[in-house]
């Protein structure tokens, strides 16, 4: 990014200031955030068998998706372009969200090494084999809270299908949420579709002990609550939510290959007994589900069992929080 302009929009800046990290985050951001991919990032994306994508539907609602392929399905012909040679699973809203000019957030994550890089940009063109993205912001993220998994092989993607989930999740969907140790969250700033490179779409990783996401019911709707642990203090996700409180969540069934997509109203809880009782949590993320989809065979990769991130040993659980 140009040194004359902050890489952060007002929502991100406000939260950085709230936690007393504004100046440090600004200095870090000006060093980390670029409008091109370094060669190391270009090679990294090309080595991956999967990619996480955040996009916006016609109503401006965020959705988080996963795309898979043999390593090399992601290719960077130049430092400002990433070619994605893959298409969404049947029924995934992403297929309708990839019009030319549409904002997208991309996350490359190598689970086995806990390495991850972010790329936020805009679709320049799409075809029957995939789409191209022009880089607005490119930067790396820390390895914390990532459960290490090693991909063993790509399983053939079945014809699959999509099953609608209502605002009240089915038993199967709630069970996946309840046993998950990972989810992905898509957000966007209000100016995501207006061309401002600091106000794009974004997708980010969240990890915790199995069961760290709690599913409850309020007024006939499923409400998900998850602890938010200390991160890189850039506040990309929460900064977007401060300005536009909507989010899309993605839960992957790593054992079976299916995925659960949800979109709804989001909020950040900064204080209260639930937060105080959850060891290690600095905030709580809450999503009131509006709509969802269960996608069969969305991530057809066979994985090794996970190795828990070391940082999670110092975090609590909802059972412990309820006992305080």
C-alpha atoms as a PDB file:
ATOM      1  CA  UNK A   1       0.000   0.000   0.000  1.00  0.00           C
ATOM      2  CA  UNK A   2       1.082   3.600  -0.494  1.00  0.00           C
ATOM      3  CA  UNK A   3       2.821   5.017   2.570  1.00  0.00           C
ATOM      4  CA  UNK A   4       0.616   8.097   2.236  1.00  0.00           C
ATOM      5  CA  UNK A   5      -2.541   6.153   2.986  1.00  0.00           C
ATOM      6  CA  UNK A   6      -3.500   3.856   5.835  1.00  0.00           C
ATOM      7  CA  UNK A   7      -4.256   0.246   4.850  1.00  0.00           C
ATOM      8  CA  UNK A   8      -7.096   0.258   7.396  1.00  0.00           C
ATOM      9  CA  UNK A   9     -10.619   1.620   7.133  1.00  0.00           C
ATOM     10  CA  UNK A  10     -12.348   3.511   9.987  1.00  0.00           C
ATOM     11  CA  UNK A  11     -13.870   0.397  11.563  1.00  0.00           C
ATOM     12  CA  UNK A  12     -10.508  -1.331  11.853  1.00  0.00           C
ATOM     13  CA  UNK A  13      -8.877   1.838  13.147  1.00  0.00           C
ATOM     14  CA  UNK A  14     -11.560   2.316  15.806  1.00  0.00           C
ATOM     15  CA  UNK A  15     -11.063  -1.177  17.235  1.00  0.00           C
ATOM     16  CA  UNK A  16      -7.289  -0.889  17.149  1.00  0.00           C
ATOM     17  CA  UNK A  17      -7.692   2.285  19.214  1.00  0.00           C
ATOM     18  CA  UNK A  18     -10.165   0.600  21.569  1.00  0.00           C
ATOM     19  CA  UNK A  19      -7.568  -1.971  22.638  1.00  0.00           C
ATOM     20  CA  UNK A  20      -4.690   0.518  22.754  1.00  0.00           C
ATOM     21  CA  UNK A  21      -2.939  -0.830  19.662  1.00  0.00           C
ATOM     22  CA  UNK A  22      -3.692   1.850  17.079  1.00  0.00           C
ATOM     23  CA  UNK A  23      -0.157   3.122  16.467  1.00  0.00           C
ATOM     24  CA  UNK A  24       1.445  -0.348  16.599  1.00  0.00           C
ATOM     25  CA  UNK A  25      -1.172  -1.792  14.250  1.00  0.00           C
ATOM     26  CA  UNK A  26      -0.717   1.068  11.824  1.00  0.00           C
ATOM     27  CA  UNK A  27       3.039   0.587  11.727  1.00  0.00           C
ATOM     28  CA  UNK A  28       2.636  -3.174  11.278  1.00  0.00           C
ATOM     29  CA  UNK A  29      -0.002  -2.753   8.589  1.00  0.00           C
ATOM     30  CA  UNK A  30       2.104  -0.396   6.527  1.00  0.00           C
ATOM     31  CA  UNK A  31       4.868  -3.009   6.530  1.00  0.00           C
ATOM     32  CA  UNK A  32       2.655  -6.086   6.039  1.00  0.00           C
ATOM     33  CA  UNK A  33      -0.146  -5.043   3.712  1.00  0.00           C
ATOM     34  CA  UNK A  34       0.776  -4.775   0.037  1.00  0.00           C
ATOM     35  CA  UNK A  35      -1.165  -4.245  -3.188  1.00  0.00           C
ATOM     36  CA  UNK A  36       0.702  -7.144  -4.794  1.00  0.00           C
ATOM     37  CA  UNK A  37       1.757 -10.674  -3.852  1.00  0.00           C
ATOM     38  CA  UNK A  38       5.425 -11.250  -2.993  1.00  0.00           C
ATOM     39  CA  UNK A  39       6.972 -14.156  -4.872  1.00  0.00           C
ATOM     40  CA  UNK A  40       6.832 -16.302  -1.720  1.00  0.00           C
ATOM     41  CA  UNK A  41       3.057 -15.809  -1.509  1.00  0.00           C
ATOM     42  CA  UNK A  42       2.624 -16.589  -5.196  1.00  0.00           C
ATOM     43  CA  UNK A  43       4.495 -19.870  -4.758  1.00  0.00           C
ATOM     44  CA  UNK A  44       2.572 -20.620  -1.573  1.00  0.00           C
ATOM     45  CA  UNK A  45      -0.846 -20.342  -3.241  1.00  0.00           C
ATOM     46  CA  UNK A  46       0.343 -22.530  -6.111  1.00  0.00           C
ATOM     47  CA  UNK A  47       1.234 -25.317  -3.655  1.00  0.00           C
ATOM     48  CA  UNK A  48      -2.205 -25.534  -2.000  1.00  0.00           C
ATOM     49  CA  UNK A  49      -4.998 -28.086  -2.555  1.00  0.00           C
ATOM     50  CA  UNK A  50      -7.722 -25.748  -1.255  1.00  0.00           C
ATOM     51  CA  UNK A  51      -8.733 -22.096  -0.963  1.00  0.00           C
ATOM     52  CA  UNK A  52     -11.240 -20.315   1.263  1.00  0.00           C
ATOM     53  CA  UNK A  53     -13.300 -17.537  -0.311  1.00  0.00           C
ATOM     54  CA  UNK A  54     -15.466 -14.763   1.119  1.00  0.00           C
ATOM     55  CA  UNK A  55     -18.038 -13.208  -1.215  1.00  0.00           C
ATOM     56  CA  UNK A  56     -21.231 -11.130  -1.189  1.00  0.00           C
ATOM     57  CA  UNK A  57     -24.575 -12.158  -2.639  1.00  0.00           C
ATOM     58  CA  UNK A  58     -27.047  -9.903  -4.426  1.00  0.00           C
ATOM     59  CA  UNK A  59     -28.404  -8.735  -1.068  1.00  0.00           C
ATOM     60  CA  UNK A  60     -24.944  -7.869   0.243  1.00  0.00           C
ATOM     61  CA  UNK A  61     -24.850 -10.846   2.610  1.00  0.00           C
ATOM     62  CA  UNK A  62     -21.423 -12.433   3.184  1.00  0.00           C
ATOM     63  CA  UNK A  63     -20.842 -16.124   2.452  1.00  0.00           C
ATOM     64  CA  UNK A  64     -17.737 -18.189   3.161  1.00  0.00           C
ATOM     65  CA  UNK A  65     -16.855 -20.978   0.713  1.00  0.00           C
ATOM     66  CA  UNK A  66     -14.138 -23.552   0.046  1.00  0.00           C
ATOM     67  CA  UNK A  67     -12.651 -24.487  -3.328  1.00  0.00           C
ATOM     68  CA  UNK A  68     -10.387 -27.487  -3.922  1.00  0.00           C
ATOM     69  CA  UNK A  69      -8.128 -28.849  -6.621  1.00  0.00           C
ATOM     70  CA  UNK A  70      -4.788 -30.458  -7.239  1.00  0.00           C
ATOM     71  CA  UNK A  71      -1.832 -28.251  -6.264  1.00  0.00           C
ATOM     72  CA  UNK A  72      -1.361 -25.802  -9.122  1.00  0.00           C
ATOM     73  CA  UNK A  73      -5.074 -25.035  -9.473  1.00  0.00           C
ATOM     74  CA  UNK A  74      -4.092 -21.641  -8.016  1.00  0.00           C
ATOM     75  CA  UNK A  75      -1.677 -19.770 -10.255  1.00  0.00           C
ATOM     76  CA  UNK A  76      -0.244 -16.252 -10.233  1.00  0.00           C
ATOM     77  CA  UNK A  77       0.733 -15.062 -13.726  1.00  0.00           C
ATOM     78  CA  UNK A  78       1.896 -11.748 -12.267  1.00  0.00           C
ATOM     79  CA  UNK A  79       2.201 -10.241  -8.750  1.00  0.00           C
ATOM     80  CA  UNK A  80      -1.210  -8.556  -8.899  1.00  0.00           C
ATOM     81  CA  UNK A  81      -3.243 -11.490 -10.257  1.00  0.00           C
ATOM     82  CA  UNK A  82      -4.343 -14.857  -8.899  1.00  0.00           C
ATOM     83  CA  UNK A  83      -5.974 -17.344 -11.241  1.00  0.00           C
ATOM     84  CA  UNK A  84      -8.353 -19.780  -9.529  1.00  0.00           C
ATOM     85  CA  UNK A  85      -8.970 -22.819 -11.738  1.00  0.00           C
ATOM     86  CA  UNK A  86     -11.852 -24.292  -9.769  1.00  0.00           C
ATOM     87  CA  UNK A  87     -15.598 -23.908  -9.482  1.00  0.00           C
ATOM     88  CA  UNK A  88     -17.819 -23.938  -6.371  1.00  0.00           C
ATOM     89  CA  UNK A  89     -19.687 -26.991  -5.172  1.00  0.00           C
ATOM     90  CA  UNK A  90     -23.210 -27.423  -6.497  1.00  0.00           C
ATOM     91  CA  UNK A  91     -25.544 -24.945  -4.803  1.00  0.00           C
ATOM     92  CA  UNK A  92     -22.809 -22.737  -3.307  1.00  0.00           C
ATOM     93  CA  UNK A  93     -23.867 -19.043  -3.572  1.00  0.00           C
ATOM     94  CA  UNK A  94     -20.295 -18.260  -4.633  1.00  0.00           C
ATOM     95  CA  UNK A  95     -21.172 -19.341  -8.176  1.00  0.00           C
ATOM     96  CA  UNK A  96     -23.544 -16.356  -8.442  1.00  0.00           C
ATOM     97  CA  UNK A  97     -21.232 -13.958  -6.591  1.00  0.00           C
ATOM     98  CA  UNK A  98     -18.315 -13.979  -9.037  1.00  0.00           C
ATOM     99  CA  UNK A  99     -19.388 -11.294 -11.506  1.00  0.00           C
ATOM    100  CA  UNK A 100     -16.658  -9.070 -12.915  1.00  0.00           C
ATOM    101  CA  UNK A 101     -15.835  -6.364 -10.366  1.00  0.00           C
ATOM    102  CA  UNK A 102     -17.230  -8.313  -7.414  1.00  0.00           C
ATOM    103  CA  UNK A 103     -15.167  -8.069  -4.200  1.00  0.00           C
ATOM    104  CA  UNK A 104     -13.747 -11.312  -2.816  1.00  0.00           C
ATOM    105  CA  UNK A 105     -11.581 -12.248   0.133  1.00  0.00           C
ATOM    106  CA  UNK A 106      -9.228 -15.206  -0.287  1.00  0.00           C
ATOM    107  CA  UNK A 107      -7.420 -17.209   2.375  1.00  0.00           C
ATOM    108  CA  UNK A 108      -4.705 -19.702   1.586  1.00  0.00           C
ATOM    109  CA  UNK A 109      -4.054 -22.016   4.533  1.00  0.00           C
ATOM    110  CA  UNK A 110      -1.504 -24.832   4.737  1.00  0.00           C
ATOM    111  CA  UNK A 111      -2.922 -26.712   7.704  1.00  0.00           C
ATOM    112  CA  UNK A 112       0.065 -28.992   8.229  1.00  0.00           C
ATOM    113  CA  UNK A 113       2.483 -26.061   8.708  1.00  0.00           C
ATOM    114  CA  UNK A 114      -0.111 -23.606  10.079  1.00  0.00           C
ATOM    115  CA  UNK A 115       0.953 -21.080   7.470  1.00  0.00           C
ATOM    116  CA  UNK A 116      -1.664 -18.748   6.013  1.00  0.00           C
ATOM    117  CA  UNK A 117      -1.806 -15.802   3.640  1.00  0.00           C
ATOM    118  CA  UNK A 118      -4.678 -13.457   2.832  1.00  0.00           C
ATOM    119  CA  UNK A 119      -5.580 -11.806  -0.453  1.00  0.00           C
ATOM    120  CA  UNK A 120      -8.463  -9.369  -0.779  1.00  0.00           C
ATOM    121  CA  UNK A 121      -9.356  -8.148  -4.239  1.00  0.00           C
ATOM    122  CA  UNK A 122     -11.817  -8.075  -7.112  1.00  0.00           C
ATOM    123  CA  UNK A 123     -12.908 -10.534  -9.759  1.00  0.00           C
ATOM    124  CA  UNK A 124     -11.677  -9.400 -13.160  1.00  0.00           C
ATOM    125  CA  UNK A 125     -13.144 -12.206 -15.231  1.00  0.00           C
ATOM    126  CA  UNK A 126     -14.694 -15.623 -14.945  1.00  0.00           C
ATOM    127  CA  UNK A 127     -15.172 -18.567 -17.262  1.00  0.00           C
ATOM    128  CA  UNK A 128     -16.366 -22.158 -17.128  1.00  0.00           C
ATOM    129  CA  UNK A 129     -13.083 -23.254 -15.524  1.00  0.00           C
ATOM    130  CA  UNK A 130     -12.647 -20.615 -12.798  1.00  0.00           C
ATOM    131  CA  UNK A 131     -11.967 -16.924 -12.297  1.00  0.00           C
ATOM    132  CA  UNK A 132      -9.214 -14.302 -11.958  1.00  0.00           C
ATOM    133  CA  UNK A 133      -8.718 -11.935  -9.008  1.00  0.00           C
ATOM    134  CA  UNK A 134      -6.900  -8.586  -9.005  1.00  0.00           C
ATOM    135  CA  UNK A 135      -5.057  -7.928  -5.729  1.00  0.00           C
ATOM    136  CA  UNK A 136      -6.136  -5.010  -3.538  1.00  0.00           C
ATOM    137  CA  UNK A 137      -4.472  -6.172  -0.321  1.00  0.00           C
ATOM    138  CA  UNK A 138      -2.070  -9.066   0.296  1.00  0.00           C
ATOM    139  CA  UNK A 139      -0.612 -10.004   3.683  1.00  0.00           C
ATOM    140  CA  UNK A 140       0.348 -12.898   5.912  1.00  0.00           C
ATOM    141  CA  UNK A 141      -1.237 -14.002   9.184  1.00  0.00           C
ATOM    142  CA  UNK A 142       0.151 -15.641  12.306  1.00  0.00           C
ATOM    143  CA  UNK A 143      -0.148 -19.439  12.830  1.00  0.00           C
ATOM    144  CA  UNK A 144      -2.023 -19.293  16.138  1.00  0.00           C
ATOM    145  CA  UNK A 145      -5.112 -21.428  16.855  1.00  0.00           C
ATOM    146  CA  UNK A 146      -4.759 -23.510  13.672  1.00  0.00           C
ATOM    147  CA  UNK A 147      -5.294 -27.249  14.132  1.00  0.00           C
ATOM    148  CA  UNK A 148      -2.618 -29.035  12.081  1.00  0.00           C
ATOM    149  CA  UNK A 149      -3.989 -31.489   9.534  1.00  0.00           C
ATOM    150  CA  UNK A 150      -2.145 -33.074   6.634  1.00  0.00           C
ATOM    151  CA  UNK A 151      -4.000 -33.728   3.372  1.00  0.00           C
ATOM    152  CA  UNK A 152      -3.510 -37.337   2.285  1.00  0.00           C
ATOM    153  CA  UNK A 153      -5.348 -37.408  -1.030  1.00  0.00           C
ATOM    154  CA  UNK A 154      -8.020 -35.714  -3.097  1.00  0.00           C
ATOM    155  CA  UNK A 155     -11.136 -37.834  -3.206  1.00  0.00           C
ATOM    156  CA  UNK A 156     -13.248 -37.692  -6.371  1.00  0.00           C
ATOM    157  CA  UNK A 157     -15.975 -35.099  -5.906  1.00  0.00           C
ATOM    158  CA  UNK A 158     -19.380 -36.740  -6.062  1.00  0.00           C
ATOM    159  CA  UNK A 159     -22.315 -35.114  -7.811  1.00  0.00           C
ATOM    160  CA  UNK A 160     -23.357 -33.962  -4.379  1.00  0.00           C
ATOM    161  CA  UNK A 161     -26.028 -31.379  -3.820  1.00  0.00           C
ATOM    162  CA  UNK A 162     -27.160 -28.606  -1.536  1.00  0.00           C
ATOM    163  CA  UNK A 163     -29.766 -28.804   1.200  1.00  0.00           C
ATOM    164  CA  UNK A 164     -31.250 -25.608   2.544  1.00  0.00           C
ATOM    165  CA  UNK A 165     -30.897 -24.846   6.239  1.00  0.00           C
ATOM    166  CA  UNK A 166     -33.366 -22.491   7.854  1.00  0.00           C
ATOM    167  CA  UNK A 167     -32.736 -19.989  10.628  1.00  0.00           C
ATOM    168  CA  UNK A 168     -33.177 -22.931  13.010  1.00  0.00           C
ATOM    169  CA  UNK A 169     -30.449 -25.434  12.206  1.00  0.00           C
ATOM    170  CA  UNK A 170     -31.165 -29.098  11.630  1.00  0.00           C
ATOM    171  CA  UNK A 171     -29.777 -31.709  14.020  1.00  0.00           C
ATOM    172  CA  UNK A 172     -27.060 -32.663  11.531  1.00  0.00           C
ATOM    173  CA  UNK A 173     -25.929 -29.065  11.075  1.00  0.00           C
ATOM    174  CA  UNK A 174     -25.984 -28.320  14.805  1.00  0.00           C
ATOM    175  CA  UNK A 175     -23.974 -31.493  15.459  1.00  0.00           C
ATOM    176  CA  UNK A 176     -21.247 -30.408  13.023  1.00  0.00           C
ATOM    177  CA  UNK A 177     -21.027 -27.005  14.690  1.00  0.00           C
ATOM    178  CA  UNK A 178     -20.866 -28.652  18.108  1.00  0.00           C
ATOM    179  CA  UNK A 179     -17.884 -30.872  17.284  1.00  0.00           C
ATOM    180  CA  UNK A 180     -15.924 -28.434  15.122  1.00  0.00           C
ATOM    181  CA  UNK A 181     -12.514 -27.085  16.079  1.00  0.00           C
ATOM    182  CA  UNK A 182     -12.357 -24.668  13.125  1.00  0.00           C
ATOM    183  CA  UNK A 183     -14.559 -22.299  11.189  1.00  0.00           C
ATOM    184  CA  UNK A 184     -14.115 -19.579   8.599  1.00  0.00           C
ATOM    185  CA  UNK A 185     -15.793 -16.186   8.730  1.00  0.00           C
ATOM    186  CA  UNK A 186     -16.547 -13.894   5.786  1.00  0.00           C
ATOM    187  CA  UNK A 187     -17.241 -10.192   6.319  1.00  0.00           C
ATOM    188  CA  UNK A 188     -17.151  -6.979   4.293  1.00  0.00           C
ATOM    189  CA  UNK A 189     -16.950  -3.246   4.865  1.00  0.00           C
ATOM    190  CA  UNK A 190     -19.825  -1.055   3.604  1.00  0.00           C
ATOM    191  CA  UNK A 191     -17.738   0.171   0.660  1.00  0.00           C
ATOM    192  CA  UNK A 192     -16.790  -3.297  -0.548  1.00  0.00           C
ATOM    193  CA  UNK A 193     -18.514  -2.883  -3.909  1.00  0.00           C
ATOM    194  CA  UNK A 194     -17.415   0.711  -4.457  1.00  0.00           C
ATOM    195  CA  UNK A 195     -13.781   0.070  -5.365  1.00  0.00           C
ATOM    196  CA  UNK A 196     -12.063   1.298  -2.194  1.00  0.00           C
ATOM    197  CA  UNK A 197      -9.144  -1.139  -1.695  1.00  0.00           C
ATOM    198  CA  UNK A 198      -9.327  -0.804   2.110  1.00  0.00           C
ATOM    199  CA  UNK A 199     -13.046  -1.714   2.176  1.00  0.00           C
ATOM    200  CA  UNK A 200     -13.238  -5.068   0.486  1.00  0.00           C
ATOM    201  CA  UNK A 201     -14.590  -8.505   1.294  1.00  0.00           C
ATOM    202  CA  UNK A 202     -12.593 -10.688   3.657  1.00  0.00           C
ATOM    203  CA  UNK A 203     -12.430 -14.260   4.920  1.00  0.00           C
ATOM    204  CA  UNK A 204     -10.585 -15.338   8.043  1.00  0.00           C
ATOM    205  CA  UNK A 205      -9.894 -18.433  10.153  1.00  0.00           C
ATOM    206  CA  UNK A 206     -11.023 -19.099  13.723  1.00  0.00           C
ATOM    207  CA  UNK A 207      -9.942 -22.092  15.792  1.00  0.00           C
ATOM    208  CA  UNK A 208     -10.553 -23.531  19.239  1.00  0.00           C
ATOM    209  CA  UNK A 209     -11.060 -26.725  21.160  1.00  0.00           C
ATOM    210  CA  UNK A 210     -13.784 -29.015  19.763  1.00  0.00           C
ATOM    211  CA  UNK A 211     -17.068 -27.499  20.908  1.00  0.00           C
ATOM    212  CA  UNK A 212     -15.740 -23.943  21.137  1.00  0.00           C
ATOM    213  CA  UNK A 213     -18.748 -22.788  19.114  1.00  0.00           C
ATOM    214  CA  UNK A 214     -21.975 -23.008  21.094  1.00  0.00           C
ATOM    215  CA  UNK A 215     -25.337 -23.321  19.349  1.00  0.00           C
ATOM    216  CA  UNK A 216     -28.358 -21.967  21.210  1.00  0.00           C
ATOM    217  CA  UNK A 217     -31.890 -20.998  20.236  1.00  0.00           C
ATOM    218  CA  UNK A 218     -33.476 -17.570  20.673  1.00  0.00           C
ATOM    219  CA  UNK A 219     -36.931 -16.729  19.330  1.00  0.00           C
ATOM    220  CA  UNK A 220     -36.932 -19.726  17.019  1.00  0.00           C
ATOM    221  CA  UNK A 221     -33.504 -18.962  15.508  1.00  0.00           C
ATOM    222  CA  UNK A 222     -30.159 -20.612  16.053  1.00  0.00           C
ATOM    223  CA  UNK A 223     -27.618 -18.301  17.682  1.00  0.00           C
ATOM    224  CA  UNK A 224     -23.952 -19.270  17.552  1.00  0.00           C
ATOM    225  CA  UNK A 225     -21.448 -17.957  20.093  1.00  0.00           C
ATOM    226  CA  UNK A 226     -17.669 -18.367  19.895  1.00  0.00           C
ATOM    227  CA  UNK A 227     -14.746 -16.982  21.912  1.00  0.00           C
ATOM    228  CA  UNK A 228     -12.420 -14.628  20.061  1.00  0.00           C
ATOM    229  CA  UNK A 229      -8.824 -14.991  21.191  1.00  0.00           C
ATOM    230  CA  UNK A 230      -5.866 -12.617  20.898  1.00  0.00           C
ATOM    231  CA  UNK A 231      -4.817 -12.196  17.269  1.00  0.00           C
ATOM    232  CA  UNK A 232      -2.640  -9.916  15.189  1.00  0.00           C
ATOM    233  CA  UNK A 233      -4.471  -6.753  16.351  1.00  0.00           C
ATOM    234  CA  UNK A 234      -5.250  -5.683  12.793  1.00  0.00           C
ATOM    235  CA  UNK A 235      -8.987  -6.275  13.415  1.00  0.00           C
ATOM    236  CA  UNK A 236      -9.872  -6.971   9.784  1.00  0.00           C
ATOM    237  CA  UNK A 237     -12.882  -9.142  10.640  1.00  0.00           C
ATOM    238  CA  UNK A 238     -14.123  -7.240  13.680  1.00  0.00           C
ATOM    239  CA  UNK A 239     -13.460  -3.897  12.004  1.00  0.00           C
ATOM    240  CA  UNK A 240     -15.780  -4.914   9.186  1.00  0.00           C
ATOM    241  CA  UNK A 241     -18.411  -6.023  11.694  1.00  0.00           C
ATOM    242  CA  UNK A 242     -18.157  -2.669  13.487  1.00  0.00           C
ATOM    243  CA  UNK A 243     -19.383  -0.980  10.300  1.00  0.00           C
ATOM    244  CA  UNK A 244     -21.531  -3.729   8.785  1.00  0.00           C
ATOM    245  CA  UNK A 245     -22.706  -6.358  11.298  1.00  0.00           C
ATOM    246  CA  UNK A 246     -23.276  -9.275   8.947  1.00  0.00           C
ATOM    247  CA  UNK A 247     -21.150 -12.392   8.515  1.00  0.00           C
ATOM    248  CA  UNK A 248     -20.980 -15.708   6.734  1.00  0.00           C
ATOM    249  CA  UNK A 249     -19.601 -18.790   8.503  1.00  0.00           C
ATOM    250  CA  UNK A 250     -18.233 -21.996   6.996  1.00  0.00           C
ATOM    251  CA  UNK A 251     -17.843 -25.260   8.914  1.00  0.00           C
ATOM    252  CA  UNK A 252     -16.061 -28.130   7.146  1.00  0.00           C
ATOM    253  CA  UNK A 253     -16.630 -31.774   8.030  1.00  0.00           C
ATOM    254  CA  UNK A 254     -12.994 -32.815   7.631  1.00  0.00           C
ATOM    255  CA  UNK A 255     -13.868 -36.482   8.135  1.00  0.00           C
ATOM    256  CA  UNK A 256     -16.577 -36.660   5.497  1.00  0.00           C
ATOM    257  CA  UNK A 257     -15.998 -33.772   3.100  1.00  0.00           C
ATOM    258  CA  UNK A 258     -19.320 -31.969   3.461  1.00  0.00           C
ATOM    259  CA  UNK A 259     -19.591 -28.327   4.499  1.00  0.00           C
ATOM    260  CA  UNK A 260     -22.086 -26.071   6.245  1.00  0.00           C
ATOM    261  CA  UNK A 261     -22.500 -22.465   5.102  1.00  0.00           C
ATOM    262  CA  UNK A 262     -24.378 -19.935   7.214  1.00  0.00           C
ATOM    263  CA  UNK A 263     -25.144 -16.238   6.867  1.00  0.00           C
ATOM    264  CA  UNK A 264     -26.729 -13.920   9.380  1.00  0.00           C
ATOM    265  CA  UNK A 265     -26.527 -10.963  11.717  1.00  0.00           C
ATOM    266  CA  UNK A 266     -23.318 -10.697  13.710  1.00  0.00           C
ATOM    267  CA  UNK A 267     -22.249  -8.859  16.834  1.00  0.00           C
ATOM    268  CA  UNK A 268     -19.185  -8.628  19.032  1.00  0.00           C
ATOM    269  CA  UNK A 269     -19.647  -8.999  22.796  1.00  0.00           C
ATOM    270  CA  UNK A 270     -16.978  -7.042  24.673  1.00  0.00           C
ATOM    271  CA  UNK A 271     -17.994  -7.676  28.270  1.00  0.00           C
ATOM    272  CA  UNK A 272     -20.330  -9.708  30.452  1.00  0.00           C
ATOM    273  CA  UNK A 273     -20.373 -12.903  32.513  1.00  0.00           C
ATOM    274  CA  UNK A 274     -20.083 -15.262  29.541  1.00  0.00           C
ATOM    275  CA  UNK A 275     -16.944 -13.536  28.347  1.00  0.00           C
ATOM    276  CA  UNK A 276     -15.486 -13.334  31.847  1.00  0.00           C
ATOM    277  CA  UNK A 277     -16.016 -17.066  32.347  1.00  0.00           C
ATOM    278  CA  UNK A 278     -14.318 -18.221  29.142  1.00  0.00           C
ATOM    279  CA  UNK A 279     -10.573 -18.476  29.775  1.00  0.00           C
ATOM    280  CA  UNK A 280      -8.461 -16.803  27.103  1.00  0.00           C
ATOM    281  CA  UNK A 281     -11.329 -15.058  25.334  1.00  0.00           C
ATOM    282  CA  UNK A 282     -10.943 -11.339  24.716  1.00  0.00           C
ATOM    283  CA  UNK A 283     -14.351 -11.026  23.072  1.00  0.00           C
ATOM    284  CA  UNK A 284     -17.235 -13.187  21.924  1.00  0.00           C
ATOM    285  CA  UNK A 285     -18.467 -13.455  18.368  1.00  0.00           C
ATOM    286  CA  UNK A 286     -22.191 -14.058  17.980  1.00  0.00           C
ATOM    287  CA  UNK A 287     -24.167 -14.917  14.844  1.00  0.00           C
ATOM    288  CA  UNK A 288     -27.951 -15.017  14.563  1.00  0.00           C
ATOM    289  CA  UNK A 289     -28.513 -17.401  11.693  1.00  0.00           C
ATOM    290  CA  UNK A 290     -30.677 -16.166   8.846  1.00  0.00           C
ATOM    291  CA  UNK A 291     -30.108 -18.859   6.243  1.00  0.00           C
ATOM    292  CA  UNK A 292     -27.791 -21.759   5.529  1.00  0.00           C
ATOM    293  CA  UNK A 293     -26.795 -24.516   3.153  1.00  0.00           C
ATOM    294  CA  UNK A 294     -25.437 -28.011   3.677  1.00  0.00           C
ATOM    295  CA  UNK A 295     -23.115 -28.769   0.740  1.00  0.00           C
ATOM    296  CA  UNK A 296     -22.268 -32.395   0.020  1.00  0.00           C
ATOM    297  CA  UNK A 297     -18.686 -33.154  -1.046  1.00  0.00           C
ATOM    298  CA  UNK A 298     -17.658 -29.491  -0.892  1.00  0.00           C
ATOM    299  CA  UNK A 299     -14.173 -30.396   0.410  1.00  0.00           C
ATOM    300  CA  UNK A 300     -13.333 -33.896  -0.939  1.00  0.00           C
ATOM    301  CA  UNK A 301      -9.919 -34.235   0.723  1.00  0.00           C
ATOM    302  CA  UNK A 302      -8.877 -37.024   3.094  1.00  0.00           C
ATOM    303  CA  UNK A 303      -7.019 -35.630   6.140  1.00  0.00           C
ATOM    304  CA  UNK A 304      -4.975 -36.947   9.026  1.00  0.00           C
ATOM    305  CA  UNK A 305      -6.430 -36.463  12.525  1.00  0.00           C
ATOM    306  CA  UNK A 306      -5.808 -32.940  13.843  1.00  0.00           C
ATOM    307  CA  UNK A 307      -2.999 -31.850  16.154  1.00  0.00           C
ATOM    308  CA  UNK A 308      -4.318 -29.164  18.482  1.00  0.00           C
ATOM    309  CA  UNK A 309      -2.720 -25.727  18.391  1.00  0.00           C
ATOM    310  CA  UNK A 310      -0.506 -25.243  21.437  1.00  0.00           C
ATOM    311  CA  UNK A 311      -2.164 -21.932  22.364  1.00  0.00           C
ATOM    312  CA  UNK A 312      -5.461 -23.706  23.071  1.00  0.00           C
ATOM    313  CA  UNK A 313      -4.098 -25.362  26.219  1.00  0.00           C
ATOM    314  CA  UNK A 314      -4.577 -22.003  27.945  1.00  0.00           C
ATOM    315  CA  UNK A 315      -8.153 -21.513  26.797  1.00  0.00           C
ATOM    316  CA  UNK A 316     -11.358 -22.662  28.416  1.00  0.00           C
ATOM    317  CA  UNK A 317     -14.602 -24.247  27.299  1.00  0.00           C
ATOM    318  CA  UNK A 318     -18.301 -23.421  27.450  1.00  0.00           C
ATOM    319  CA  UNK A 319     -18.739 -26.049  30.168  1.00  0.00           C
ATOM    320  CA  UNK A 320     -16.142 -24.283  32.310  1.00  0.00           C
ATOM    321  CA  UNK A 321     -17.627 -20.890  31.522  1.00  0.00           C
ATOM    322  CA  UNK A 322     -21.036 -22.043  32.732  1.00  0.00           C
ATOM    323  CA  UNK A 323     -19.574 -23.191  36.037  1.00  0.00           C
ATOM    324  CA  UNK A 324     -18.218 -19.740  36.915  1.00  0.00           C
END
